[in-house]
Amino acid sequence: MELYDVLVFIQPQAYWSIWVVGFAQTLIALAGPIVMAAPPKLSARWFPANERTIATAISVCANNVGSGIGYVLPPYLVQAYGFRNFLLIEAAVGALLFIVALIYFPESPPTPPSLTEKLEQESLETISKKTIFLSLKDIFTNPSYIILSIVGGLQAGILNAWQGLFQDIFVPPFTETFVGWLGFGFITASSVGGVVGGIICDKFLKKKFKAILIILFIALSGCLVIFALAFPSFFSTTPILPIHPYVSSSLLVICGLLYGMSSPIFYEFGVEITFPLSPIMSSGFLTLWINVFTLIFLVSELPDPWINGITALSMVGCIVPLIFMKESYGRSDIDTSASYQPTN
């Protein structure tokens, strides 16, 4: 992205500019799954068992924080410094963070924070490292993980695309400025929800991922159905449940909270179900499904009145597969089966 930001200033109207944009977007797309799949691995490497979900939540939600800021801050920076200078500022910040990570980013703490991480680093037979082909076989022959990854990908993919289409589905009746704040509220709420969900799962409801997800999906589906009925949709060309703009914004914040709470659970639950496979494998496939469903939703060119309804029905349809999914906690079972105290 930084390369594109620099090159575009050389000849912004050049015929090859579109190819530079396409090349830069390809690089970003290639890096995305790796970056998004890393949080569970980093959590396992650096945090004890009772803090892993919180750590994953913070990492996953950091991307949402940046997106939320992107709804509000860029217009002011562009107005103050101009579009080109804004891109230069963005490129400089990204390059600085990259350099800092290169200079100092330790591979691991002095001692493993959990028993399973200790065993993995020692490459004991109980969790020996497998070839990529055997790992793929285990992934594709695990029905519970297939269900979990598809449901998680469908939820995140559709909701990511949905919030990107707020200007199309909420203007009118709302103004563009108000809809911009709706997007900011949704993303901010999802970030807060992710951290709250991580704390609940780590501190209060351990090994209850399946039940928590089902409850969150039922509540999220209810809120989205109300949205679908409050705006024109394939249910009706006129709103069935007219609601006040502030009620709409409150519902959207609740949707963001519920969505955010489930996001880190999908990543951590995938690691538990596929243990002893590397967290990168389970998280990578979940991220792949997210990208696939986001793309499908965006390129399908649904009529604007249909978007809310399809989003709501998609979340409702995810509840049944979750009910029949078999849960397991292979990694947590090992961590809780024996006492382990990291030494400094």
Protein backbone atom coordinates (compact mmCIF):
# COMPACT_ATOMS: atom_id res chain seq x y z
CA MET A 1 0.00 0.00 0.00
CA GLU A 2 2.84 2.38 0.84
CA LEU A 3 4.42 1.63 -2.56
CA TYR A 4 1.21 2.61 -4.30
CA ASP A 5 0.86 5.77 -2.23
CA VAL A 6 4.33 6.88 -3.33
CA LEU A 7 4.08 5.89 -7.00
CA VAL A 8 0.71 7.51 -7.53
CA PHE A 9 2.29 10.92 -6.88
CA ILE A 10 4.77 10.54 -9.74
CA GLN A 11 2.21 10.53 -12.53
CA PRO A 12 -1.29 10.37 -11.06
CA GLN A 13 -2.91 10.63 -14.51
CA ALA A 14 -0.58 8.17 -16.25
CA TYR A 15 -2.12 5.32 -18.22
CA TRP A 16 -0.39 2.78 -15.99
CA SER A 17 -1.89 4.18 -12.78
CA ILE A 18 -4.75 1.68 -12.81
CA TRP A 19 -2.24 -1.18 -13.06
CA VAL A 20 -0.36 0.16 -10.05
CA VAL A 21 -3.62 0.29 -8.10
CA GLY A 22 -4.47 -3.27 -9.13
CA PHE A 23 -0.99 -4.53 -8.21
CA ALA A 24 -1.13 -2.79 -4.82
CA GLN A 25 -4.57 -4.22 -4.07
CA THR A 26 -3.30 -7.69 -4.97
CA LEU A 27 -0.43 -7.34 -2.50
CA ILE A 28 -2.84 -6.18 0.20
CA ALA A 29 -5.15 -9.12 -0.54
CA LEU A 30 -2.25 -11.57 -0.29
CA ALA A 31 -1.16 -10.15 3.05
CA GLY A 32 -4.66 -9.98 4.52
CA PRO A 33 -5.21 -13.69 5.32
CA ILE A 34 -1.77 -13.93 6.93
CA VAL A 35 -2.31 -10.86 9.10
CA MET A 36 -5.85 -11.85 10.11
CA ALA A 37 -4.84 -15.47 10.81
CA ALA A 38 -1.99 -14.45 13.11
CA PRO A 39 -3.88 -13.31 16.28
CA PRO A 40 -4.68 -16.80 17.68
CA LYS A 41 -1.09 -17.89 17.09
CA LEU A 42 0.31 -14.79 18.78
CA SER A 43 -2.14 -15.22 21.66
CA ALA A 44 -1.02 -18.81 22.21
CA ARG A 45 2.64 -17.83 21.95
CA TRP A 46 2.51 -14.91 24.40
CA PHE A 47 -0.46 -15.33 26.77
CA PRO A 48 -1.57 -17.94 29.34
CA ALA A 49 -4.67 -20.04 28.78
CA ASN A 50 -6.94 -17.73 30.80
CA GLU A 51 -6.02 -14.69 28.68
CA ARG A 52 -5.87 -16.09 25.15
CA THR A 53 -9.38 -15.14 24.02
CA ILE A 54 -8.95 -11.59 25.33
CA ALA A 55 -5.64 -11.24 23.49
CA THR A 56 -7.18 -12.59 20.28
CA ALA A 57 -10.12 -10.22 20.67
CA ILE A 58 -7.87 -7.18 20.97
CA SER A 59 -5.87 -8.21 17.91
CA VAL A 60 -8.92 -9.01 15.77
CA CYS A 61 -10.73 -5.82 16.80
CA ALA A 62 -7.71 -3.60 16.13
CA ASN A 63 -8.59 -3.81 12.44
CA ASN A 64 -12.12 -2.65 13.22
CA VAL A 65 -10.77 0.31 15.20
CA GLY A 66 -8.81 1.42 12.16
CA SER A 67 -11.89 1.06 9.94
CA GLY A 68 -13.96 3.07 12.42
CA ILE A 69 -11.40 5.85 12.48
CA GLY A 70 -11.47 5.73 8.69
CA TYR A 71 -15.10 6.80 8.73
CA VAL A 72 -14.38 9.99 10.66
CA LEU A 73 -10.74 11.15 10.49
CA PRO A 74 -9.80 11.09 6.75
CA PRO A 75 -12.33 13.74 5.64
CA TYR A 76 -10.85 16.22 8.13
CA LEU A 77 -7.26 15.38 7.14
CA VAL A 78 -8.06 15.69 3.44
CA GLN A 79 -9.73 19.03 4.06
CA ALA A 80 -6.78 20.29 6.10
CA TYR A 81 -3.83 18.92 4.08
CA GLY A 82 -5.20 17.82 0.71
CA PHE A 83 -5.68 14.31 -0.65
CA ARG A 84 -2.07 13.77 -1.73
CA ASN A 85 -0.62 14.89 1.59
CA PHE A 86 -3.13 12.70 3.38
CA LEU A 87 -1.90 9.66 1.45
CA LEU A 88 1.69 10.61 2.25
CA ILE A 89 0.83 10.78 5.95
CA GLU A 90 -0.82 7.36 5.74
CA ALA A 91 2.17 5.90 3.92
CA ALA A 92 4.60 7.37 6.45
CA VAL A 93 2.71 5.95 9.43
CA GLY A 94 2.51 2.50 7.84
CA ALA A 95 6.20 2.52 6.93
CA LEU A 96 7.18 3.64 10.44
CA LEU A 97 5.24 0.80 12.07
CA PHE A 98 6.77 -1.69 9.64
CA ILE A 99 10.29 -0.50 10.47
CA VAL A 100 9.63 -0.67 14.21
CA ALA A 101 8.37 -4.26 13.83
CA LEU A 102 11.51 -5.18 11.89
CA ILE A 103 13.80 -3.65 14.50
CA TYR A 104 12.15 -5.23 17.53
CA PHE A 105 9.58 -7.97 17.50
CA PRO A 106 10.65 -10.95 19.67
CA GLU A 107 9.82 -14.42 18.41
CA SER A 108 8.51 -15.56 21.81
CA PRO A 109 8.69 -14.82 25.55
CA PRO A 110 11.53 -16.28 27.63
CA THR A 111 9.31 -19.17 28.75
CA PRO A 112 6.09 -20.58 27.21
CA PRO A 113 2.96 -19.15 28.87
CA SER A 114 0.99 -22.42 28.82
CA LEU A 115 1.53 -26.15 28.86
CA THR A 116 0.32 -26.69 25.30
CA GLU A 117 2.61 -23.96 24.01
CA LYS A 118 5.52 -25.52 25.90
CA LEU A 119 4.77 -28.91 24.37
CA GLU A 120 4.48 -27.45 20.89
CA GLN A 121 7.80 -25.64 21.16
CA GLU A 122 9.46 -28.81 22.36
CA SER A 123 7.83 -30.71 19.48
CA LEU A 124 6.74 -33.58 21.69
CA GLU A 125 5.00 -36.54 20.09
CA THR A 126 1.63 -35.57 21.57
CA ILE A 127 1.43 -32.48 19.40
CA SER A 128 4.09 -33.15 16.77
CA LYS A 129 4.21 -30.90 13.77
CA LYS A 130 2.47 -32.29 10.69
CA THR A 131 3.10 -31.74 7.03
CA ILE A 132 0.91 -29.25 5.24
CA PHE A 133 -0.89 -32.05 3.38
CA LEU A 134 -1.77 -33.99 6.54
CA SER A 135 -2.94 -30.75 8.16
CA LEU A 136 -5.20 -29.99 5.20
CA LYS A 137 -6.59 -33.51 5.40
CA ASP A 138 -7.41 -33.04 9.07
CA ILE A 139 -9.08 -29.71 8.32
CA PHE A 140 -11.29 -31.04 5.53
CA THR A 141 -12.28 -34.19 7.44
CA ASN A 142 -13.38 -32.28 10.54
CA PRO A 143 -17.14 -31.64 10.12
CA SER A 144 -17.36 -29.45 13.21
CA TYR A 145 -14.62 -27.15 11.98
CA ILE A 146 -16.11 -27.01 8.47
CA ILE A 147 -19.42 -25.86 9.98
CA LEU A 148 -17.73 -23.38 12.30
CA SER A 149 -15.52 -21.83 9.63
CA ILE A 150 -18.34 -21.48 7.09
CA VAL A 151 -20.72 -19.96 9.66
CA GLY A 152 -18.00 -17.61 10.94
CA GLY A 153 -17.00 -16.66 7.41
CA LEU A 154 -20.61 -16.09 6.40
CA GLN A 155 -21.30 -13.87 9.40
CA ALA A 156 -18.18 -11.72 9.15
CA GLY A 157 -18.17 -11.64 5.35
CA ILE A 158 -21.77 -10.52 4.98
CA LEU A 159 -21.69 -8.04 7.87
CA ASN A 160 -18.44 -6.51 6.59
CA ALA A 161 -20.02 -6.06 3.16
CA TRP A 162 -23.29 -4.85 4.72
CA GLN A 163 -21.66 -2.05 6.71
CA GLY A 164 -19.80 -1.01 3.57
CA LEU A 165 -23.14 -0.50 1.81
CA PHE A 166 -24.75 1.74 4.44
CA GLN A 167 -24.71 4.71 2.08
CA ASP A 168 -26.74 2.72 -0.45
CA ILE A 169 -29.36 1.29 1.88
CA PHE A 170 -29.80 4.11 4.43
CA VAL A 171 -29.63 7.21 2.17
CA PRO A 172 -32.45 8.15 2.06
CA PRO A 173 -34.14 8.33 4.57
CA PHE A 174 -31.03 9.38 6.50
CA THR A 175 -28.41 11.94 5.48
CA GLU A 176 -24.91 10.90 4.36
CA THR A 177 -23.39 12.49 7.46
CA PHE A 178 -25.72 10.58 9.77
CA VAL A 179 -25.03 7.32 7.92
CA GLY A 180 -21.29 7.96 8.27
CA TRP A 181 -21.74 8.13 12.03
CA LEU A 182 -23.86 4.96 11.86
CA GLY A 183 -20.91 3.18 10.27
CA PHE A 184 -18.55 4.56 12.88
CA GLY A 185 -20.90 3.47 15.68
CA PHE A 186 -21.26 -0.05 14.25
CA ILE A 187 -17.52 -0.59 13.92
CA THR A 188 -16.70 0.99 17.28
CA ALA A 189 -19.34 -1.15 18.97
CA SER A 190 -17.95 -4.29 17.33
CA SER A 191 -14.49 -3.44 18.66
CA VAL A 192 -15.81 -2.97 22.20
CA GLY A 193 -17.91 -6.11 21.87
CA GLY A 194 -14.89 -8.16 20.87
CA VAL A 195 -12.99 -7.23 24.02
CA VAL A 196 -16.08 -7.79 26.19
CA GLY A 197 -16.63 -11.18 24.58
CA GLY A 198 -13.02 -12.14 25.19
CA ILE A 199 -13.25 -11.23 28.87
CA ILE A 200 -16.51 -13.19 29.30
CA CYS A 201 -15.11 -16.30 27.63
CA ASP A 202 -11.80 -16.24 29.50
CA LYS A 203 -13.01 -15.28 32.96
CA PHE A 204 -16.61 -16.43 33.35
CA LEU A 205 -17.85 -18.88 30.68
CA LYS A 206 -14.92 -21.11 29.83
CA LYS A 207 -15.59 -23.96 27.38
CA LYS A 208 -19.00 -22.52 26.52
CA PHE A 209 -18.18 -21.22 23.04
CA LYS A 210 -21.01 -23.05 21.27
CA ALA A 211 -23.74 -21.87 23.64
CA ILE A 212 -22.43 -18.30 23.56
CA LEU A 213 -22.39 -18.25 19.76
CA ILE A 214 -25.94 -19.57 19.49
CA ILE A 215 -27.22 -16.93 21.93
CA LEU A 216 -25.35 -14.16 20.10
CA PHE A 217 -26.70 -15.28 16.72
CA ILE A 218 -30.28 -15.41 17.98
CA ALA A 219 -30.00 -11.87 19.38
CA LEU A 220 -28.21 -10.57 16.28
CA SER A 221 -30.79 -12.15 13.97
CA GLY A 222 -33.60 -10.50 15.93
CA CYS A 223 -32.04 -7.05 15.60
CA LEU A 224 -31.40 -7.52 11.88
CA VAL A 225 -34.96 -8.71 11.25
CA ILE A 226 -36.23 -5.50 12.88
CA PHE A 227 -33.92 -3.56 10.55
CA ALA A 228 -35.26 -5.43 7.54
CA LEU A 229 -38.83 -4.59 8.56
CA ALA A 230 -38.03 -0.94 9.26
CA PHE A 231 -36.82 -0.24 5.71
CA PRO A 232 -38.07 -1.20 2.23
CA SER A 233 -37.16 -4.82 1.48
CA PHE A 234 -38.39 -7.88 -0.38
CA PHE A 235 -40.80 -8.32 2.53
CA SER A 236 -42.53 -5.05 1.66
CA THR A 237 -41.84 -2.03 -0.55
CA THR A 238 -42.77 0.21 2.38
CA PRO A 239 -41.44 0.01 5.96
CA ILE A 240 -43.52 -2.31 8.14
CA LEU A 241 -42.03 -1.02 11.40
CA PRO A 242 -41.14 2.68 10.97
CA ILE A 243 -38.63 3.63 13.66
CA HIS A 244 -36.90 6.82 14.76
CA PRO A 245 -33.34 7.45 13.51
CA TYR A 246 -31.98 7.27 17.04
CA VAL A 247 -33.68 3.91 17.57
CA SER A 248 -32.04 2.74 14.35
CA SER A 249 -28.64 3.89 15.55
CA SER A 250 -29.16 2.14 18.88
CA LEU A 251 -30.08 -1.10 17.13
CA LEU A 252 -27.03 -0.78 14.91
CA VAL A 253 -24.78 -0.35 17.94
CA ILE A 254 -26.31 -3.48 19.47
CA CYS A 255 -25.68 -5.36 16.22
CA GLY A 256 -22.07 -4.22 16.32
CA LEU A 257 -21.66 -5.37 19.91
CA LEU A 258 -23.12 -8.82 19.18
CA TYR A 259 -21.04 -9.24 16.03
CA GLY A 260 -17.88 -8.11 17.78
CA MET A 261 -18.40 -10.47 20.72
CA SER A 262 -18.57 -13.46 18.37
CA SER A 263 -15.53 -12.60 16.23
CA PRO A 264 -12.71 -13.71 18.60
CA ILE A 265 -14.76 -16.73 19.68
CA PHE A 266 -14.77 -18.09 16.12
CA TYR A 267 -10.98 -17.85 15.93
CA GLU A 268 -10.35 -19.40 19.35
CA PHE A 269 -13.04 -22.06 18.91
CA GLY A 270 -11.48 -23.07 15.60
CA VAL A 271 -8.12 -23.56 17.30
CA GLU A 272 -9.73 -25.72 20.00
CA ILE A 273 -11.64 -27.91 17.54
CA THR A 274 -8.64 -28.51 15.25
CA PHE A 275 -6.01 -28.96 17.98
CA PRO A 276 -3.19 -30.02 17.71
CA LEU A 277 -3.02 -28.35 14.29
CA SER A 278 -1.34 -24.96 14.14
CA PRO A 279 -3.64 -22.02 14.92
CA ILE A 280 -2.51 -20.51 11.62
CA MET A 281 -4.29 -23.31 9.74
CA SER A 282 -7.69 -22.92 11.37
CA SER A 283 -7.53 -19.12 11.40
CA GLY A 284 -6.33 -19.01 7.81
CA PHE A 285 -9.31 -20.97 6.51
CA LEU A 286 -11.73 -18.86 8.55
CA THR A 287 -10.21 -15.72 7.04
CA LEU A 288 -10.48 -17.28 3.57
CA TRP A 289 -14.20 -17.88 4.04
CA ILE A 290 -14.67 -14.30 5.25
CA ASN A 291 -13.08 -12.96 2.07
CA VAL A 292 -15.09 -15.34 -0.12
CA PHE A 293 -18.46 -14.38 1.36
CA THR A 294 -17.60 -10.67 1.34
CA LEU A 295 -16.76 -10.90 -2.37
CA ILE A 296 -19.90 -12.89 -3.19
CA PHE A 297 -22.12 -10.41 -1.36
CA LEU A 298 -20.53 -7.38 -3.02
CA VAL A 299 -20.48 -8.70 -6.61
CA SER A 300 -24.00 -10.15 -6.44
CA GLU A 301 -25.39 -6.62 -7.03
CA LEU A 302 -28.46 -7.17 -4.91
CA PRO A 303 -31.17 -4.51 -5.20
CA ASP A 304 -30.73 -2.03 -2.37
CA PRO A 305 -34.08 -2.91 -0.72
CA TRP A 306 -33.00 -6.58 -0.56
CA ILE A 307 -29.74 -6.06 1.29
CA ASN A 308 -31.13 -5.79 4.82
CA GLY A 309 -33.41 -8.78 4.30
CA ILE A 310 -30.68 -11.03 2.88
CA THR A 311 -28.36 -10.02 5.72
CA ALA A 312 -30.99 -10.89 8.34
CA LEU A 313 -31.93 -14.23 6.74
CA SER A 314 -28.26 -15.19 6.45
CA MET A 315 -27.75 -14.75 10.19
CA VAL A 316 -30.94 -16.70 10.95
CA GLY A 317 -29.74 -19.53 8.71
CA CYS A 318 -26.48 -19.82 10.68
CA ILE A 319 -28.24 -20.84 13.90
CA VAL A 320 -29.24 -24.37 12.87
CA PRO A 321 -25.74 -25.54 11.80
CA LEU A 322 -24.31 -24.25 15.08
CA ILE A 323 -26.85 -26.29 17.06
CA PHE A 324 -25.76 -29.54 15.40
CA MET A 325 -22.03 -28.79 15.56
CA LYS A 326 -20.03 -30.92 17.99
CA GLU A 327 -17.78 -28.90 20.28
CA SER A 328 -14.43 -29.96 21.70
CA TYR A 329 -11.68 -28.23 23.65
CA GLY A 330 -8.54 -30.29 23.03
CA ARG A 331 -6.08 -27.52 23.82
CA SER A 332 -7.85 -26.28 26.94
CA ASP A 333 -8.27 -29.83 28.23
CA ILE A 334 -4.50 -30.29 28.21
CA ASP A 335 -3.86 -26.90 29.80
CA THR A 336 -6.26 -27.64 32.64
CA SER A 337 -5.27 -31.28 33.14
CA ALA A 338 -1.96 -30.47 34.80
CA SER A 339 -0.52 -27.53 36.70
CA TYR A 340 2.00 -25.40 34.82
CA GLN A 341 3.75 -22.27 36.04
CA PRO A 342 5.92 -20.28 33.63
CA THR A 343 9.35 -19.50 35.02
CA ASN A 344 11.22 -16.27 34.40
